């Protein structure tokens, strides 16, 4: 009985969310890009009053930095201390 409800729920979820999966992925990527820009604002030269609190998040952003700056239209890394290209 439980597995039939679980499969019914999965079917409904696929029916309602399936057509919008690409839209949800794009919205999430845009939110991640904005978050990354806010974290890297101080390194990019934009004064950031919360730089002290966001500095500890920078190591988590380095692995995706190359894909981010390419999506933002920058051919080369805008930061001297990150040579990803």
C-alpha atoms as a PDB file:
ATOM      1  CA  UNK A   1       0.000   0.000   0.000  1.00  0.00           C
ATOM      2  CA  UNK A   2       2.808   2.414   0.875  1.00  0.00           C
ATOM      3  CA  UNK A   3       4.699   1.791  -2.359  1.00  0.00           C
ATOM      4  CA  UNK A   4       1.617   2.492  -4.446  1.00  0.00           C
ATOM      5  CA  UNK A   5       1.165   5.873  -2.717  1.00  0.00           C
ATOM      6  CA  UNK A   6       4.851   6.630  -3.217  1.00  0.00           C
ATOM      7  CA  UNK A   7       4.644   5.827  -6.925  1.00  0.00           C
ATOM      8  CA  UNK A   8       1.426   7.877  -7.224  1.00  0.00           C
ATOM      9  CA  UNK A   9       3.159  10.815  -5.523  1.00  0.00           C
ATOM     10  CA  UNK A  10       6.191  10.472  -7.824  1.00  0.00           C
ATOM     11  CA  UNK A  11       3.889  10.435 -10.848  1.00  0.00           C
ATOM     12  CA  UNK A  12       2.090  13.587  -9.712  1.00  0.00           C
ATOM     13  CA  UNK A  13       5.376  15.313  -9.021  1.00  0.00           C
ATOM     14  CA  UNK A  14       6.625  14.420 -12.505  1.00  0.00           C
ATOM     15  CA  UNK A  15       3.347  15.603 -14.042  1.00  0.00           C
ATOM     16  CA  UNK A  16       3.404  19.009 -12.342  1.00  0.00           C
ATOM     17  CA  UNK A  17       7.146  19.769 -12.061  1.00  0.00           C
ATOM     18  CA  UNK A  18       8.409  17.943 -15.152  1.00  0.00           C
ATOM     19  CA  UNK A  19       7.633  20.635 -17.729  1.00  0.00           C
ATOM     20  CA  UNK A  20       9.287  23.294 -15.558  1.00  0.00           C
ATOM     21  CA  UNK A  21      12.476  21.409 -14.672  1.00  0.00           C
ATOM     22  CA  UNK A  22      14.604  23.482 -17.072  1.00  0.00           C
ATOM     23  CA  UNK A  23      13.081  26.726 -15.750  1.00  0.00           C
ATOM     24  CA  UNK A  24      13.782  25.693 -12.150  1.00  0.00           C
ATOM     25  CA  UNK A  25      17.387  24.808 -13.039  1.00  0.00           C
ATOM     26  CA  UNK A  26      17.909  28.184 -14.738  1.00  0.00           C
ATOM     27  CA  UNK A  27      16.442  30.066 -11.759  1.00  0.00           C
ATOM     28  CA  UNK A  28      18.664  28.145  -9.353  1.00  0.00           C
ATOM     29  CA  UNK A  29      21.751  28.869 -11.505  1.00  0.00           C
ATOM     30  CA  UNK A  30      20.880  32.594 -11.563  1.00  0.00           C
ATOM     31  CA  UNK A  31      20.480  32.634  -7.779  1.00  0.00           C
ATOM     32  CA  UNK A  32      23.825  30.858  -7.387  1.00  0.00           C
ATOM     33  CA  UNK A  33      25.480  33.383  -9.721  1.00  0.00           C
ATOM     34  CA  UNK A  34      24.094  36.296  -7.714  1.00  0.00           C
ATOM     35  CA  UNK A  35      25.241  34.691  -4.458  1.00  0.00           C
ATOM     36  CA  UNK A  36      28.719  34.131  -5.916  1.00  0.00           C
ATOM     37  CA  UNK A  37      28.906  37.753  -7.075  1.00  0.00           C
ATOM     38  CA  UNK A  38      27.943  38.987  -3.600  1.00  0.00           C
ATOM     39  CA  UNK A  39      30.602  36.789  -1.988  1.00  0.00           C
ATOM     40  CA  UNK A  40      33.297  37.868  -4.462  1.00  0.00           C
ATOM     41  CA  UNK A  41      32.303  41.555  -4.467  1.00  0.00           C
ATOM     42  CA  UNK A  42      35.217  42.660  -2.299  1.00  0.00           C
ATOM     43  CA  UNK A  43      37.731  40.785  -4.470  1.00  0.00           C
ATOM     44  CA  UNK A  44      36.175  42.331  -7.597  1.00  0.00           C
ATOM     45  CA  UNK A  45      36.599  45.842  -6.181  1.00  0.00           C
ATOM     46  CA  UNK A  46      33.067  46.540  -4.974  1.00  0.00           C
ATOM     47  CA  UNK A  47      32.969  47.707  -1.348  1.00  0.00           C
ATOM     48  CA  UNK A  48      31.153  45.140   0.739  1.00  0.00           C
ATOM     49  CA  UNK A  49      30.224  45.852   4.363  1.00  0.00           C
ATOM     50  CA  UNK A  50      29.777  42.124   5.010  1.00  0.00           C
ATOM     51  CA  UNK A  51      33.189  41.103   3.585  1.00  0.00           C
ATOM     52  CA  UNK A  52      34.353  39.886   6.990  1.00  0.00           C
ATOM     53  CA  UNK A  53      31.514  37.373   7.149  1.00  0.00           C
ATOM     54  CA  UNK A  54      31.661  36.261   3.525  1.00  0.00           C
ATOM     55  CA  UNK A  55      35.435  35.729   3.365  1.00  0.00           C
ATOM     56  CA  UNK A  56      35.120  32.301   4.951  1.00  0.00           C
ATOM     57  CA  UNK A  57      32.834  31.165   2.092  1.00  0.00           C
ATOM     58  CA  UNK A  58      35.333  31.940  -0.670  1.00  0.00           C
ATOM     59  CA  UNK A  59      37.170  28.569  -0.591  1.00  0.00           C
ATOM     60  CA  UNK A  60      33.885  26.814  -1.365  1.00  0.00           C
ATOM     61  CA  UNK A  61      33.406  28.965  -4.480  1.00  0.00           C
ATOM     62  CA  UNK A  62      36.799  28.377  -6.094  1.00  0.00           C
ATOM     63  CA  UNK A  63      35.945  25.023  -7.702  1.00  0.00           C
ATOM     64  CA  UNK A  64      33.113  26.564  -9.764  1.00  0.00           C
ATOM     65  CA  UNK A  65      34.804  29.917 -10.345  1.00  0.00           C
ATOM     66  CA  UNK A  66      35.837  29.234 -13.960  1.00  0.00           C
ATOM     67  CA  UNK A  67      32.300  28.266 -15.059  1.00  0.00           C
ATOM     68  CA  UNK A  68      30.898  31.313 -13.242  1.00  0.00           C
ATOM     69  CA  UNK A  69      33.144  33.921 -14.841  1.00  0.00           C
ATOM     70  CA  UNK A  70      32.568  32.360 -18.279  1.00  0.00           C
ATOM     71  CA  UNK A  71      28.768  32.607 -17.752  1.00  0.00           C
ATOM     72  CA  UNK A  72      29.186  36.234 -16.724  1.00  0.00           C
ATOM     73  CA  UNK A  73      30.919  36.977 -20.034  1.00  0.00           C
ATOM     74  CA  UNK A  74      34.472  37.388 -18.735  1.00  0.00           C
ATOM     75  CA  UNK A  75      37.035  35.657 -20.953  1.00  0.00           C
ATOM     76  CA  UNK A  76      39.756  35.668 -18.301  1.00  0.00           C
ATOM     77  CA  UNK A  77      39.624  35.464 -14.535  1.00  0.00           C
ATOM     78  CA  UNK A  78      38.970  38.941 -13.080  1.00  0.00           C
ATOM     79  CA  UNK A  79      40.997  38.102  -9.975  1.00  0.00           C
ATOM     80  CA  UNK A  80      44.797  38.053 -10.088  1.00  0.00           C
ATOM     81  CA  UNK A  81      45.159  35.447  -7.355  1.00  0.00           C
ATOM     82  CA  UNK A  82      42.852  32.933  -9.079  1.00  0.00           C
ATOM     83  CA  UNK A  83      44.438  31.723 -12.301  1.00  0.00           C
ATOM     84  CA  UNK A  84      41.878  29.301 -13.634  1.00  0.00           C
ATOM     85  CA  UNK A  85      42.280  30.004 -17.371  1.00  0.00           C
END
